[in-house]
Amino acid sequence: MPKALAQNIRHDHPDRDLECQRALDDDFHLLIALAESEGWTWQEIALALMELTEDYVMAMRLDAEMKQGVSAAVSRTLH
């Protein structure tokens, strides 16, 4: 893991989301610069990043729901 992304903050810290943004910032700008250097417009890049983020969120939610469903099913069978 790149040192810039290392976690240096407790999981319950109120600014954890801001620290995550800070940790991702340099690589985020590098990704944008690479896309721009390949000829993509800022609008195309922004739309692609939003779509990818939405896909990621949906996949993580589905995964969490599946895990929760499995836990609930196991819990029901064990009681």
PDB file of N, CA and C in Angstrom:
ATOM      1  N   MET A   1       0.855  -1.171   0.000  1.00  0.00           N
ATOM      2  CA  MET A   1       0.000   0.000   0.000  1.00  0.00           C
ATOM      3  C   MET A   1       0.901   1.236   0.000  1.00  0.00           C
ATOM      4  N   PRO A   2       0.620   2.206  -0.868  1.00  0.00           N
ATOM      5  CA  PRO A   2       1.413   3.431  -0.847  1.00  0.00           C
ATOM      6  C   PRO A   2       1.345   4.095   0.519  1.00  0.00           C
ATOM      7  N   LYS A   3       2.461   4.620   0.952  1.00  0.00           N
ATOM      8  CA  LYS A   3       2.516   5.239   2.266  1.00  0.00           C
ATOM      9  C   LYS A   3       1.478   6.355   2.415  1.00  0.00           C
ATOM     10  N   ALA A   4       1.201   7.078   1.333  1.00  0.00           N
ATOM     11  CA  ALA A   4       0.236   8.168   1.388  1.00  0.00           C
ATOM     12  C   ALA A   4      -1.155   7.681   1.773  1.00  0.00           C
ATOM     13  N   LEU A   5      -1.467   6.418   1.491  1.00  0.00           N
ATOM     14  CA  LEU A   5      -2.785   5.886   1.808  1.00  0.00           C
ATOM     15  C   LEU A   5      -2.851   5.221   3.179  1.00  0.00           C
ATOM     16  N   ALA A   6      -1.739   5.136   3.875  1.00  0.00           N
ATOM     17  CA  ALA A   6      -1.723   4.487   5.181  1.00  0.00           C
ATOM     18  C   ALA A   6      -2.681   5.201   6.134  1.00  0.00           C
ATOM     19  N   GLN A   7      -3.343   4.404   6.952  1.00  0.00           N
ATOM     20  CA  GLN A   7      -4.276   4.956   7.932  1.00  0.00           C
ATOM     21  C   GLN A   7      -3.516   5.389   9.173  1.00  0.00           C
ATOM     22  N   ASN A   8      -3.683   6.627   9.524  1.00  0.00           N
ATOM     23  CA  ASN A   8      -3.035   7.148  10.729  1.00  0.00           C
ATOM     24  C   ASN A   8      -4.072   7.750  11.664  1.00  0.00           C
ATOM     25  N   ILE A   9      -5.285   7.226  11.610  1.00  0.00           N
ATOM     26  CA  ILE A   9      -6.370   7.810  12.381  1.00  0.00           C
ATOM     27  C   ILE A   9      -7.277   6.686  12.883  1.00  0.00           C
ATOM     28  N   ARG A  10      -7.798   6.847  14.085  1.00  0.00           N
ATOM     29  CA  ARG A  10      -8.657   5.814  14.676  1.00  0.00           C
ATOM     30  C   ARG A  10      -9.952   5.655  13.877  1.00  0.00           C
ATOM     31  N   HIS A  11     -10.519   4.472  13.932  1.00  0.00           N
ATOM     32  CA  HIS A  11     -11.763   4.186  13.206  1.00  0.00           C
ATOM     33  C   HIS A  11     -12.940   5.014  13.713  1.00  0.00           C
ATOM     34  N   ASP A  12     -12.888   5.473  14.954  1.00  0.00           N
ATOM     35  CA  ASP A  12     -14.004   6.246  15.506  1.00  0.00           C
ATOM     36  C   ASP A  12     -13.740   7.757  15.507  1.00  0.00           C
ATOM     37  N   HIS A  13     -12.677   8.192  14.863  1.00  0.00           N
ATOM     38  CA  HIS A  13     -12.339   9.620  14.821  1.00  0.00           C
ATOM     39  C   HIS A  13     -13.359  10.371  13.974  1.00  0.00           C
ATOM     40  N   PRO A  14     -13.842  11.528  14.441  1.00  0.00           N
ATOM     41  CA  PRO A  14     -14.880  12.258  13.700  1.00  0.00           C
ATOM     42  C   PRO A  14     -14.418  12.794  12.334  1.00  0.00           C
ATOM     43  N   ASP A  15     -13.114  12.954  12.124  1.00  0.00           N
ATOM     44  CA  ASP A  15     -12.609  13.465  10.850  1.00  0.00           C
ATOM     45  C   ASP A  15     -12.051  12.366   9.957  1.00  0.00           C
ATOM     46  N   ARG A  16     -12.425  11.129  10.214  1.00  0.00           N
ATOM     47  CA  ARG A  16     -11.881  10.011   9.450  1.00  0.00           C
ATOM     48  C   ARG A  16     -12.188  10.140   7.954  1.00  0.00           C
ATOM     49  N   ASP A  17     -13.396  10.591   7.605  1.00  0.00           N
ATOM     50  CA  ASP A  17     -13.741  10.737   6.192  1.00  0.00           C
ATOM     51  C   ASP A  17     -12.865  11.790   5.521  1.00  0.00           C
ATOM     52  N   LEU A  18     -12.574  12.878   6.209  1.00  0.00           N
ATOM     53  CA  LEU A  18     -11.703  13.919   5.658  1.00  0.00           C
ATOM     54  C   LEU A  18     -10.272  13.420   5.510  1.00  0.00           C
ATOM     55  N   GLU A  19      -9.825  12.607   6.445  1.00  0.00           N
ATOM     56  CA  GLU A  19      -8.476  12.041   6.365  1.00  0.00           C
ATOM     57  C   GLU A  19      -8.374  11.076   5.182  1.00  0.00           C
ATOM     58  N   CYS A  20      -9.432  10.332   4.916  1.00  0.00           N
ATOM     59  CA  CYS A  20      -9.443   9.431   3.759  1.00  0.00           C
ATOM     60  C   CYS A  20      -9.350  10.246   2.467  1.00  0.00           C
ATOM     61  N   GLN A  21     -10.086  11.341   2.394  1.00  0.00           N
ATOM     62  CA  GLN A  21     -10.010  12.218   1.221  1.00  0.00           C
ATOM     63  C   GLN A  21      -8.594  12.748   1.033  1.00  0.00           C
ATOM     64  N   ARG A  22      -7.968  13.162   2.118  1.00  0.00           N
ATOM     65  CA  ARG A  22      -6.603  13.674   2.047  1.00  0.00           C
ATOM     66  C   ARG A  22      -5.647  12.598   1.551  1.00  0.00           C
ATOM     67  N   ALA A  23      -5.848  11.390   2.036  1.00  0.00           N
ATOM     68  CA  ALA A  23      -4.962  10.288   1.651  1.00  0.00           C
ATOM     69  C   ALA A  23      -5.113   9.933   0.172  1.00  0.00           C
ATOM     70  N   LEU A  24      -6.302  10.086  -0.378  1.00  0.00           N
ATOM     71  CA  LEU A  24      -6.556   9.753  -1.779  1.00  0.00           C
ATOM     72  C   LEU A  24      -6.246  10.890  -2.744  1.00  0.00           C
ATOM     73  N   ASP A  25      -6.118  12.101  -2.238  1.00  0.00           N
ATOM     74  CA  ASP A  25      -6.041  13.301  -3.073  1.00  0.00           C
ATOM     75  C   ASP A  25      -4.934  13.267  -4.126  1.00  0.00           C
ATOM     76  N   ASP A  26      -3.713  12.945  -3.751  1.00  0.00           N
ATOM     77  CA  ASP A  26      -2.600  12.957  -4.711  1.00  0.00           C
ATOM     78  C   ASP A  26      -2.829  11.951  -5.845  1.00  0.00           C
ATOM     79  N   ASP A  27      -3.227  10.739  -5.487  1.00  0.00           N
ATOM     80  CA  ASP A  27      -3.464   9.722  -6.513  1.00  0.00           C
ATOM     81  C   ASP A  27      -4.668  10.075  -7.380  1.00  0.00           C
ATOM     82  N   PHE A  28      -5.654  10.705  -6.793  1.00  0.00           N
ATOM     83  CA  PHE A  28      -6.830  11.152  -7.540  1.00  0.00           C
ATOM     84  C   PHE A  28      -6.416  12.156  -8.618  1.00  0.00           C
ATOM     85  N   HIS A  29      -5.606  13.133  -8.236  1.00  0.00           N
ATOM     86  CA  HIS A  29      -5.153  14.139  -9.204  1.00  0.00           C
ATOM     87  C   HIS A  29      -4.222  13.530 -10.254  1.00  0.00           C
ATOM     88  N   LEU A  30      -3.444  12.551  -9.867  1.00  0.00           N
ATOM     89  CA  LEU A  30      -2.591  11.849 -10.825  1.00  0.00           C
ATOM     90  C   LEU A  30      -3.448  11.106 -11.850  1.00  0.00           C
ATOM     91  N   LEU A  31      -4.491  10.432 -11.393  1.00  0.00           N
ATOM     92  CA  LEU A  31      -5.395   9.723 -12.290  1.00  0.00           C
ATOM     93  C   LEU A  31      -6.044  10.695 -13.281  1.00  0.00           C
ATOM     94  N   ILE A  32      -6.490  11.835 -12.790  1.00  0.00           N
ATOM     95  CA  ILE A  32      -7.102  12.841 -13.654  1.00  0.00           C
ATOM     96  C   ILE A  32      -6.087  13.355 -14.674  1.00  0.00           C
ATOM     97  N   ALA A  33      -4.880  13.640 -14.231  1.00  0.00           N
ATOM     98  CA  ALA A  33      -3.844  14.132 -15.144  1.00  0.00           C
ATOM     99  C   ALA A  33      -3.538  13.101 -16.228  1.00  0.00           C
ATOM    100  N   LEU A  34      -3.484  11.825 -15.853  1.00  0.00           N
ATOM    101  CA  LEU A  34      -3.241  10.768 -16.841  1.00  0.00           C
ATOM    102  C   LEU A  34      -4.377  10.704 -17.859  1.00  0.00           C
ATOM    103  N   ALA A  35      -5.603  10.790 -17.394  1.00  0.00           N
ATOM    104  CA  ALA A  35      -6.748  10.751 -18.305  1.00  0.00           C
ATOM    105  C   ALA A  35      -6.737  11.959 -19.238  1.00  0.00           C
ATOM    106  N   GLU A  36      -6.436  13.134 -18.693  1.00  0.00           N
ATOM    107  CA  GLU A  36      -6.368  14.341 -19.522  1.00  0.00           C
ATOM    108  C   GLU A  36      -5.254  14.232 -20.560  1.00  0.00           C
ATOM    109  N   SER A  37      -4.127  13.635 -20.170  1.00  0.00           N
ATOM    110  CA  SER A  37      -3.008  13.500 -21.101  1.00  0.00           C
ATOM    111  C   SER A  37      -3.345  12.547 -22.248  1.00  0.00           C
ATOM    112  N   GLU A  38      -4.348  11.700 -22.039  1.00  0.00           N
ATOM    113  CA  GLU A  38      -4.797  10.788 -23.087  1.00  0.00           C
ATOM    114  C   GLU A  38      -5.916  11.398 -23.932  1.00  0.00           C
ATOM    115  N   GLY A  39      -6.286  12.637 -23.617  1.00  0.00           N
ATOM    116  CA  GLY A  39      -7.260  13.339 -24.437  1.00  0.00           C
ATOM    117  C   GLY A  39      -8.684  13.370 -23.925  1.00  0.00           C
ATOM    118  N   TRP A  40      -8.940  12.810 -22.752  1.00  0.00           N
ATOM    119  CA  TRP A  40     -10.287  12.856 -22.204  1.00  0.00           C
ATOM    120  C   TRP A  40     -10.572  14.257 -21.675  1.00  0.00           C
ATOM    121  N   THR A  41     -11.800  14.730 -21.838  1.00  0.00           N
ATOM    122  CA  THR A  41     -12.180  16.046 -21.316  1.00  0.00           C
ATOM    123  C   THR A  41     -12.505  15.934 -19.837  1.00  0.00           C
ATOM    124  N   TRP A  42     -12.530  17.080 -19.167  1.00  0.00           N
ATOM    125  CA  TRP A  42     -12.849  17.051 -17.737  1.00  0.00           C
ATOM    126  C   TRP A  42     -14.273  16.547 -17.528  1.00  0.00           C
ATOM    127  N   GLN A  43     -15.182  16.822 -18.457  1.00  0.00           N
ATOM    128  CA  GLN A  43     -16.554  16.349 -18.328  1.00  0.00           C
ATOM    129  C   GLN A  43     -16.619  14.822 -18.450  1.00  0.00           C
ATOM    130  N   GLU A  44     -15.869  14.274 -19.411  1.00  0.00           N
ATOM    131  CA  GLU A  44     -15.838  12.818 -19.579  1.00  0.00           C
ATOM    132  C   GLU A  44     -15.224  12.139 -18.363  1.00  0.00           C
ATOM    133  N   ILE A  45     -14.176  12.732 -17.849  1.00  0.00           N
ATOM    134  CA  ILE A  45     -13.501  12.174 -16.670  1.00  0.00           C
ATOM    135  C   ILE A  45     -14.434  12.215 -15.466  1.00  0.00           C
ATOM    136  N   ALA A  46     -15.077  13.354 -15.242  1.00  0.00           N
ATOM    137  CA  ALA A  46     -15.979  13.498 -14.102  1.00  0.00           C
ATOM    138  C   ALA A  46     -17.133  12.509 -14.181  1.00  0.00           C
ATOM    139  N   LEU A  47     -17.727  12.365 -15.365  1.00  0.00           N
ATOM    140  CA  LEU A  47     -18.830  11.432 -15.529  1.00  0.00           C
ATOM    141  C   LEU A  47     -18.367   9.995 -15.293  1.00  0.00           C
ATOM    142  N   ALA A  48     -17.217   9.644 -15.830  1.00  0.00           N
ATOM    143  CA  ALA A  48     -16.681   8.292 -15.634  1.00  0.00           C
ATOM    144  C   ALA A  48     -16.428   8.018 -14.148  1.00  0.00           C
ATOM    145  N   LEU A  49     -15.847   8.980 -13.457  1.00  0.00           N
ATOM    146  CA  LEU A  49     -15.577   8.794 -12.026  1.00  0.00           C
ATOM    147  C   LEU A  49     -16.874   8.665 -11.223  1.00  0.00           C
ATOM    148  N   MET A  50     -17.883   9.445 -11.587  1.00  0.00           N
ATOM    149  CA  MET A  50     -19.165   9.336 -10.888  1.00  0.00           C
ATOM    150  C   MET A  50     -19.816   7.977 -11.140  1.00  0.00           C
ATOM    151  N   GLU A  51     -19.768   7.511 -12.382  1.00  0.00           N
ATOM    152  CA  GLU A  51     -20.346   6.204 -12.710  1.00  0.00           C
ATOM    153  C   GLU A  51     -19.596   5.081 -11.998  1.00  0.00           C
ATOM    154  N   LEU A  52     -18.275   5.157 -12.003  1.00  0.00           N
ATOM    155  CA  LEU A  52     -17.482   4.136 -11.317  1.00  0.00           C
ATOM    156  C   LEU A  52     -17.760   4.141  -9.817  1.00  0.00           C
ATOM    157  N   THR A  53     -17.902   5.324  -9.245  1.00  0.00           N
ATOM    158  CA  THR A  53     -18.207   5.440  -7.816  1.00  0.00           C
ATOM    159  C   THR A  53     -19.571   4.847  -7.515  1.00  0.00           C
ATOM    160  N   GLU A  54     -20.549   5.148  -8.355  1.00  0.00           N
ATOM    161  CA  GLU A  54     -21.890   4.599  -8.163  1.00  0.00           C
ATOM    162  C   GLU A  54     -21.864   3.077  -8.254  1.00  0.00           C
ATOM    163  N   ASP A  55     -21.144   2.543  -9.228  1.00  0.00           N
ATOM    164  CA  ASP A  55     -21.020   1.082  -9.363  1.00  0.00           C
ATOM    165  C   ASP A  55     -20.372   0.471  -8.126  1.00  0.00           C
ATOM    166  N   TYR A  56     -19.345   1.126  -7.606  1.00  0.00           N
ATOM    167  CA  TYR A  56     -18.647   0.645  -6.419  1.00  0.00           C
ATOM    168  C   TYR A  56     -19.590   0.626  -5.214  1.00  0.00           C
ATOM    169  N   VAL A  57     -20.331   1.714  -5.035  1.00  0.00           N
ATOM    170  CA  VAL A  57     -21.254   1.804  -3.901  1.00  0.00           C
ATOM    171  C   VAL A  57     -22.319   0.714  -3.995  1.00  0.00           C
ATOM    172  N   MET A  58     -22.876   0.525  -5.165  1.00  0.00           N
ATOM    173  CA  MET A  58     -23.907  -0.501  -5.336  1.00  0.00           C
ATOM    174  C   MET A  58     -23.348  -1.890  -5.054  1.00  0.00           C
ATOM    175  N   ALA A  59     -22.139  -2.172  -5.523  1.00  0.00           N
ATOM    176  CA  ALA A  59     -21.522  -3.472  -5.282  1.00  0.00           C
ATOM    177  C   ALA A  59     -21.243  -3.688  -3.792  1.00  0.00           C
ATOM    178  N   MET A  60     -20.763  -2.656  -3.114  1.00  0.00           N
ATOM    179  CA  MET A  60     -20.471  -2.786  -1.687  1.00  0.00           C
ATOM    180  C   MET A  60     -21.746  -2.966  -0.879  1.00  0.00           C
ATOM    181  N   ARG A  61     -22.799  -2.251  -1.263  1.00  0.00           N
ATOM    182  CA  ARG A  61     -24.090  -2.416  -0.576  1.00  0.00           C
ATOM    183  C   ARG A  61     -24.630  -3.825  -0.769  1.00  0.00           C
ATOM    184  N   LEU A  62     -24.564  -4.329  -1.992  1.00  0.00           N
ATOM    185  CA  LEU A  62     -25.040  -5.672  -2.274  1.00  0.00           C
ATOM    186  C   LEU A  62     -24.239  -6.697  -1.473  1.00  0.00           C
ATOM    187  N   ASP A  63     -22.920  -6.513  -1.444  1.00  0.00           N
ATOM    188  CA  ASP A  63     -22.064  -7.420  -0.679  1.00  0.00           C
ATOM    189  C   ASP A  63     -22.429  -7.392   0.804  1.00  0.00           C
ATOM    190  N   ALA A  64     -22.631  -6.198   1.346  1.00  0.00           N
ATOM    191  CA  ALA A  64     -22.993  -6.068   2.763  1.00  0.00           C
ATOM    192  C   ALA A  64     -24.350  -6.710   3.035  1.00  0.00           C
ATOM    193  N   GLU A  65     -25.305  -6.503   2.124  1.00  0.00           N
ATOM    194  CA  GLU A  65     -26.628  -7.101   2.302  1.00  0.00           C
ATOM    195  C   GLU A  65     -26.556  -8.619   2.236  1.00  0.00           C
ATOM    196  N   MET A  66     -25.730  -9.128   1.321  1.00  0.00           N
ATOM    197  CA  MET A  66     -25.584 -10.580   1.211  1.00  0.00           C
ATOM    198  C   MET A  66     -24.956 -11.149   2.471  1.00  0.00           C
ATOM    199  N   LYS A  67     -23.926 -10.479   2.980  1.00  0.00           N
ATOM    200  CA  LYS A  67     -23.274 -10.947   4.211  1.00  0.00           C
ATOM    201  C   LYS A  67     -24.242 -10.888   5.376  1.00  0.00           C
ATOM    202  N   GLN A  68     -25.020  -9.819   5.441  1.00  0.00           N
ATOM    203  CA  GLN A  68     -26.002  -9.675   6.513  1.00  0.00           C
ATOM    204  C   GLN A  68     -27.071 -10.753   6.394  1.00  0.00           C
ATOM    205  N   GLY A  69     -27.490 -11.036   5.183  1.00  0.00           N
ATOM    206  CA  GLY A  69     -28.486 -12.082   4.956  1.00  0.00           C
ATOM    207  C   GLY A  69     -27.971 -13.445   5.347  1.00  0.00           C
ATOM    208  N   VAL A  70     -26.714 -13.737   5.018  1.00  0.00           N
ATOM    209  CA  VAL A  70     -26.099 -15.007   5.391  1.00  0.00           C
ATOM    210  C   VAL A  70     -25.995 -15.106   6.903  1.00  0.00           C
ATOM    211  N   SER A  71     -25.583 -14.020   7.559  1.00  0.00           N
ATOM    212  CA  SER A  71     -25.470 -14.020   9.018  1.00  0.00           C
ATOM    213  C   SER A  71     -26.825 -14.245   9.660  1.00  0.00           C
ATOM    214  N   ALA A  72     -27.849 -13.574   9.119  1.00  0.00           N
ATOM    215  CA  ALA A  72     -29.188 -13.732   9.669  1.00  0.00           C
ATOM    216  C   ALA A  72     -29.682 -15.158   9.469  1.00  0.00           C
ATOM    217  N   ALA A  73     -29.405 -15.742   8.297  1.00  0.00           N
ATOM    218  CA  ALA A  73     -29.831 -17.114   8.026  1.00  0.00           C
ATOM    219  C   ALA A  73     -29.119 -18.103   8.949  1.00  0.00           C
ATOM    220  N   VAL A  74     -27.823 -17.919   9.147  1.00  0.00           N
ATOM    221  CA  VAL A  74     -27.060 -18.787  10.042  1.00  0.00           C
ATOM    222  C   VAL A  74     -27.561 -18.618  11.462  1.00  0.00           C
ATOM    223  N   SER A  75     -27.800 -17.388  11.856  1.00  0.00           N
ATOM    224  CA  SER A  75     -28.282 -17.102  13.204  1.00  0.00           C
ATOM    225  C   SER A  75     -29.628 -17.769  13.458  1.00  0.00           C
ATOM    226  N   ARG A  76     -30.522 -17.731  12.470  1.00  0.00           N
ATOM    227  CA  ARG A  76     -31.829 -18.350  12.633  1.00  0.00           C
ATOM    228  C   ARG A  76     -31.718 -19.868  12.762  1.00  0.00           C
ATOM    229  N   THR A  77     -30.795 -20.463  12.039  1.00  0.00           N
ATOM    230  CA  THR A  77     -30.664 -21.918  12.096  1.00  0.00           C
ATOM    231  C   THR A  77     -30.015 -22.365  13.397  1.00  0.00           C
ATOM    232  N   LEU A  78     -29.191 -21.527  13.966  1.00  0.00           N
ATOM    233  CA  LEU A  78     -28.480 -21.916  15.194  1.00  0.00           C
ATOM    234  C   LEU A  78     -29.340 -21.733  16.434  1.00  0.00           C
ATOM    235  N   HIS A  79     -30.420 -20.999  16.355  1.00  0.00           N
ATOM    236  CA  HIS A  79     -31.231 -20.756  17.566  1.00  0.00           C
ATOM    237  C   HIS A  79     -32.419 -21.629  17.615  1.00  0.00           C
TER     238      HIS A  79
END
